[in-house]
N, C-alpha and C. Protein backbone atom coordinates (compact mmCIF):
# COMPACT_ATOMS: atom_id res chain seq x y z
N MET A 1 57.39 13.26 19.22
CA MET A 1 56.25 12.41 18.99
C MET A 1 55.06 13.28 18.57
N LYS A 2 54.44 12.89 17.49
CA LYS A 2 53.32 13.65 16.94
C LYS A 2 52.03 13.26 17.65
N ARG A 3 51.30 14.27 18.10
CA ARG A 3 50.03 14.01 18.77
C ARG A 3 48.89 14.15 17.76
N THR A 4 48.01 13.21 17.78
CA THR A 4 46.83 13.29 16.94
C THR A 4 45.61 13.29 17.83
N SER A 5 44.57 13.88 17.32
CA SER A 5 43.35 13.93 18.13
C SER A 5 42.74 12.54 18.22
N ARG A 6 41.99 12.36 19.26
CA ARG A 6 41.32 11.07 19.48
C ARG A 6 40.35 10.76 18.34
N ARG A 7 39.68 11.79 17.86
CA ARG A 7 38.72 11.60 16.77
C ARG A 7 39.42 11.17 15.48
N ALA A 8 40.59 11.71 15.23
CA ALA A 8 41.30 11.39 13.99
C ALA A 8 41.78 9.94 13.97
N THR A 9 42.09 9.39 15.12
CA THR A 9 42.61 8.02 15.16
C THR A 9 41.53 6.99 15.46
N ALA A 10 40.33 7.42 15.75
CA ALA A 10 39.28 6.48 16.17
C ALA A 10 38.99 5.44 15.09
N GLY A 11 38.92 5.86 13.85
CA GLY A 11 38.62 4.92 12.79
C GLY A 11 39.77 4.00 12.48
N ARG A 12 40.99 4.51 12.61
CA ARG A 12 42.16 3.70 12.28
C ARG A 12 42.45 2.65 13.33
N GLU A 13 42.07 2.91 14.55
CA GLU A 13 42.35 1.96 15.62
C GLU A 13 41.58 0.66 15.43
N CYS A 14 40.37 0.74 14.96
CA CYS A 14 39.58 -0.48 14.79
C CYS A 14 39.71 -1.05 13.39
N GLY A 15 40.53 -0.44 12.54
CA GLY A 15 40.82 -1.02 11.23
C GLY A 15 39.80 -0.71 10.16
N THR A 16 38.99 0.32 10.31
CA THR A 16 38.02 0.63 9.27
C THR A 16 38.64 1.55 8.23
N THR A 17 38.19 1.40 7.02
CA THR A 17 38.66 2.24 5.93
C THR A 17 37.77 3.47 5.82
N PRO A 18 38.26 4.51 5.14
CA PRO A 18 37.41 5.70 4.97
C PRO A 18 36.08 5.39 4.28
N ARG A 19 36.12 4.48 3.33
CA ARG A 19 34.88 4.12 2.64
C ARG A 19 33.90 3.45 3.60
N ARG A 20 34.42 2.58 4.45
CA ARG A 20 33.59 1.90 5.44
C ARG A 20 33.00 2.90 6.44
N ARG A 21 33.82 3.86 6.89
CA ARG A 21 33.33 4.88 7.82
C ARG A 21 32.23 5.71 7.18
N GLN A 22 32.37 6.03 5.88
CA GLN A 22 31.34 6.79 5.18
C GLN A 22 30.04 5.99 5.12
N TRP A 23 30.15 4.72 4.83
CA TRP A 23 28.97 3.85 4.78
C TRP A 23 28.30 3.79 6.15
N LEU A 24 29.11 3.67 7.21
CA LEU A 24 28.55 3.61 8.57
C LEU A 24 27.82 4.89 8.93
N ARG A 25 28.39 6.03 8.53
CA ARG A 25 27.72 7.30 8.82
C ARG A 25 26.36 7.37 8.13
N ARG A 26 26.32 6.96 6.84
CA ARG A 26 25.04 6.96 6.13
C ARG A 26 24.04 6.01 6.75
N TYR A 27 24.53 4.83 7.14
CA TYR A 27 23.66 3.84 7.77
C TYR A 27 23.10 4.38 9.08
N ARG A 28 23.92 4.99 9.89
CA ARG A 28 23.46 5.54 11.18
C ARG A 28 22.42 6.63 10.98
N LYS A 29 22.61 7.48 9.96
CA LYS A 29 21.63 8.54 9.69
C LYS A 29 20.29 7.94 9.29
N ARG A 30 20.32 6.93 8.41
CA ARG A 30 19.06 6.30 7.99
C ARG A 30 18.38 5.60 9.15
N TRP A 31 19.16 4.92 9.97
CA TRP A 31 18.60 4.22 11.12
C TRP A 31 17.97 5.22 12.09
N ALA A 32 18.67 6.31 12.34
CA ALA A 32 18.16 7.32 13.27
C ALA A 32 16.87 7.94 12.76
N SER A 33 16.80 8.22 11.46
CA SER A 33 15.57 8.82 10.92
C SER A 33 14.42 7.82 10.94
N ALA A 34 14.71 6.54 10.74
CA ALA A 34 13.65 5.53 10.80
C ALA A 34 13.14 5.37 12.23
N VAL A 35 14.04 5.40 13.19
CA VAL A 35 13.65 5.26 14.59
C VAL A 35 12.82 6.46 15.03
N ARG A 36 13.18 7.63 14.56
CA ARG A 36 12.44 8.84 14.92
C ARG A 36 11.11 8.95 14.20
N GLY A 37 10.87 8.11 13.20
CA GLY A 37 9.60 8.14 12.50
C GLY A 37 9.56 9.11 11.34
N ARG A 38 10.67 9.40 10.76
CA ARG A 38 10.70 10.34 9.64
C ARG A 38 10.73 9.63 8.30
N SER A 39 10.30 8.40 8.27
CA SER A 39 10.26 7.69 7.00
C SER A 39 9.08 8.20 6.18
N GLY A 40 9.04 7.86 4.91
CA GLY A 40 8.02 8.38 4.01
C GLY A 40 6.61 7.93 4.34
N ASP A 41 6.42 6.67 4.72
CA ASP A 41 5.09 6.15 4.96
C ASP A 41 4.96 5.74 6.43
N ALA A 42 4.04 6.36 7.12
CA ALA A 42 3.89 6.10 8.54
C ALA A 42 2.94 4.94 8.83
N GLY A 43 2.29 4.40 7.81
CA GLY A 43 1.35 3.30 8.03
C GLY A 43 0.01 3.57 7.35
N MET A 44 -0.92 2.67 7.58
CA MET A 44 -2.22 2.81 6.94
C MET A 44 -3.07 3.84 7.66
N SER A 45 -3.88 4.54 6.89
CA SER A 45 -4.81 5.49 7.47
C SER A 45 -6.11 4.76 7.84
N THR A 46 -7.00 5.44 8.47
CA THR A 46 -8.26 4.84 8.90
C THR A 46 -9.07 4.36 7.70
N ALA A 47 -9.06 5.10 6.61
CA ALA A 47 -9.79 4.70 5.41
C ALA A 47 -9.23 3.40 4.84
N GLU A 48 -7.91 3.27 4.85
CA GLU A 48 -7.31 2.04 4.35
C GLU A 48 -7.66 0.85 5.24
N TYR A 49 -7.71 1.06 6.54
CA TYR A 49 -8.14 0.00 7.44
C TYR A 49 -9.58 -0.41 7.15
N ALA A 50 -10.43 0.56 6.90
CA ALA A 50 -11.84 0.27 6.63
C ALA A 50 -11.99 -0.54 5.34
N VAL A 51 -11.30 -0.14 4.30
CA VAL A 51 -11.37 -0.87 3.03
C VAL A 51 -10.80 -2.28 3.20
N GLY A 52 -9.69 -2.39 3.92
CA GLY A 52 -9.10 -3.71 4.16
C GLY A 52 -10.02 -4.62 4.95
N THR A 53 -10.71 -4.07 5.95
CA THR A 53 -11.63 -4.85 6.77
C THR A 53 -12.83 -5.31 5.94
N ILE A 54 -13.36 -4.43 5.11
CA ILE A 54 -14.50 -4.80 4.26
C ILE A 54 -14.09 -5.89 3.27
N ALA A 55 -12.90 -5.75 2.69
CA ALA A 55 -12.43 -6.77 1.74
C ALA A 55 -12.23 -8.11 2.43
N ALA A 56 -11.70 -8.10 3.65
CA ALA A 56 -11.50 -9.35 4.39
C ALA A 56 -12.84 -10.00 4.73
N CYS A 57 -13.81 -9.20 5.11
CA CYS A 57 -15.14 -9.74 5.42
C CYS A 57 -15.81 -10.32 4.18
N ALA A 58 -15.66 -9.64 3.06
CA ALA A 58 -16.24 -10.14 1.81
C ALA A 58 -15.59 -11.45 1.41
N PHE A 59 -14.28 -11.54 1.54
CA PHE A 59 -13.58 -12.78 1.22
C PHE A 59 -14.02 -13.90 2.15
N ALA A 60 -14.18 -13.60 3.43
CA ALA A 60 -14.64 -14.61 4.40
C ALA A 60 -16.04 -15.10 4.05
N ALA A 61 -16.91 -14.19 3.63
CA ALA A 61 -18.28 -14.59 3.25
C ALA A 61 -18.28 -15.50 2.03
N VAL A 62 -17.47 -15.15 1.03
CA VAL A 62 -17.39 -15.99 -0.17
C VAL A 62 -16.80 -17.35 0.18
N LEU A 63 -15.77 -17.37 0.98
CA LEU A 63 -15.15 -18.63 1.39
C LEU A 63 -16.13 -19.49 2.18
N TYR A 64 -16.92 -18.88 3.06
CA TYR A 64 -17.93 -19.62 3.83
C TYR A 64 -18.97 -20.25 2.91
N LYS A 65 -19.42 -19.48 1.92
CA LYS A 65 -20.41 -20.00 0.97
C LYS A 65 -19.85 -21.17 0.17
N VAL A 66 -18.60 -21.07 -0.24
CA VAL A 66 -17.99 -22.14 -1.02
C VAL A 66 -17.83 -23.40 -0.17
N VAL A 67 -17.34 -23.23 1.06
CA VAL A 67 -17.08 -24.40 1.92
C VAL A 67 -18.37 -25.07 2.35
N THR A 68 -19.43 -24.31 2.55
CA THR A 68 -20.69 -24.90 3.00
C THR A 68 -21.59 -25.34 1.85
N SER A 69 -21.14 -25.16 0.61
CA SER A 69 -21.95 -25.62 -0.52
C SER A 69 -21.96 -27.15 -0.55
N GLY A 70 -22.94 -27.71 -1.23
CA GLY A 70 -23.14 -29.15 -1.26
C GLY A 70 -21.93 -29.96 -1.70
N PRO A 71 -21.41 -29.72 -2.91
CA PRO A 71 -20.31 -30.54 -3.40
C PRO A 71 -19.04 -30.42 -2.55
N VAL A 72 -18.71 -29.22 -2.14
CA VAL A 72 -17.49 -29.03 -1.34
C VAL A 72 -17.65 -29.65 0.04
N SER A 73 -18.81 -29.45 0.65
CA SER A 73 -19.07 -30.03 1.96
C SER A 73 -18.99 -31.56 1.90
N GLU A 74 -19.56 -32.13 0.85
CA GLU A 74 -19.53 -33.59 0.68
C GLU A 74 -18.09 -34.08 0.49
N ALA A 75 -17.31 -33.36 -0.31
CA ALA A 75 -15.91 -33.74 -0.53
C ALA A 75 -15.11 -33.66 0.76
N LEU A 76 -15.34 -32.62 1.54
CA LEU A 76 -14.63 -32.49 2.82
C LEU A 76 -15.02 -33.61 3.79
N GLN A 77 -16.30 -33.95 3.80
CA GLN A 77 -16.77 -35.01 4.68
C GLN A 77 -16.14 -36.35 4.28
N LYS A 78 -16.07 -36.63 2.99
CA LYS A 78 -15.43 -37.87 2.53
C LYS A 78 -13.94 -37.90 2.90
N LEU A 79 -13.31 -36.76 2.78
CA LEU A 79 -11.90 -36.67 3.12
C LEU A 79 -11.66 -36.97 4.59
N VAL A 80 -12.50 -36.41 5.46
CA VAL A 80 -12.36 -36.64 6.90
C VAL A 80 -12.65 -38.10 7.22
N GLU A 81 -13.70 -38.67 6.63
CA GLU A 81 -14.03 -40.07 6.89
C GLU A 81 -12.91 -41.00 6.44
N ARG A 82 -12.33 -40.71 5.28
CA ARG A 82 -11.23 -41.54 4.78
C ARG A 82 -10.02 -41.42 5.70
N ALA A 83 -9.77 -40.23 6.23
CA ALA A 83 -8.64 -40.05 7.13
C ALA A 83 -8.85 -40.79 8.45
N LEU A 84 -10.10 -40.79 8.94
CA LEU A 84 -10.39 -41.47 10.21
C LEU A 84 -10.44 -42.97 10.08
N ASP A 85 -10.78 -43.47 8.89
CA ASP A 85 -10.87 -44.90 8.67
C ASP A 85 -9.55 -45.52 8.19
N ALA A 86 -8.51 -44.76 8.14
CA ALA A 86 -7.22 -45.27 7.66
C ALA A 86 -6.66 -46.30 8.65
N THR A 87 -6.06 -47.33 8.09
CA THR A 87 -5.43 -48.35 8.94
C THR A 87 -3.95 -48.05 9.05
N PHE A 88 -3.41 -48.32 10.22
CA PHE A 88 -2.00 -48.04 10.46
C PHE A 88 -1.23 -49.30 10.62
């Protein structure tokens, strides 16, 4: 009876092909490097947060001006009144 090492038969026991095992090895390496934080981009820097915050505030200010302007405010008020006066 021929003895084989446990490592040599590990892939064959569960029915994986050599190509599948190669793919799994690559996937595990990528997953491990991502978990360890070795990916290319670690996130936004402080400067990017500052620019993003300023842009969000500017957008909020413009949106506030548009919503509180006369025609838009009047249209919203009519919409709410029509919704409240609806018959069921």
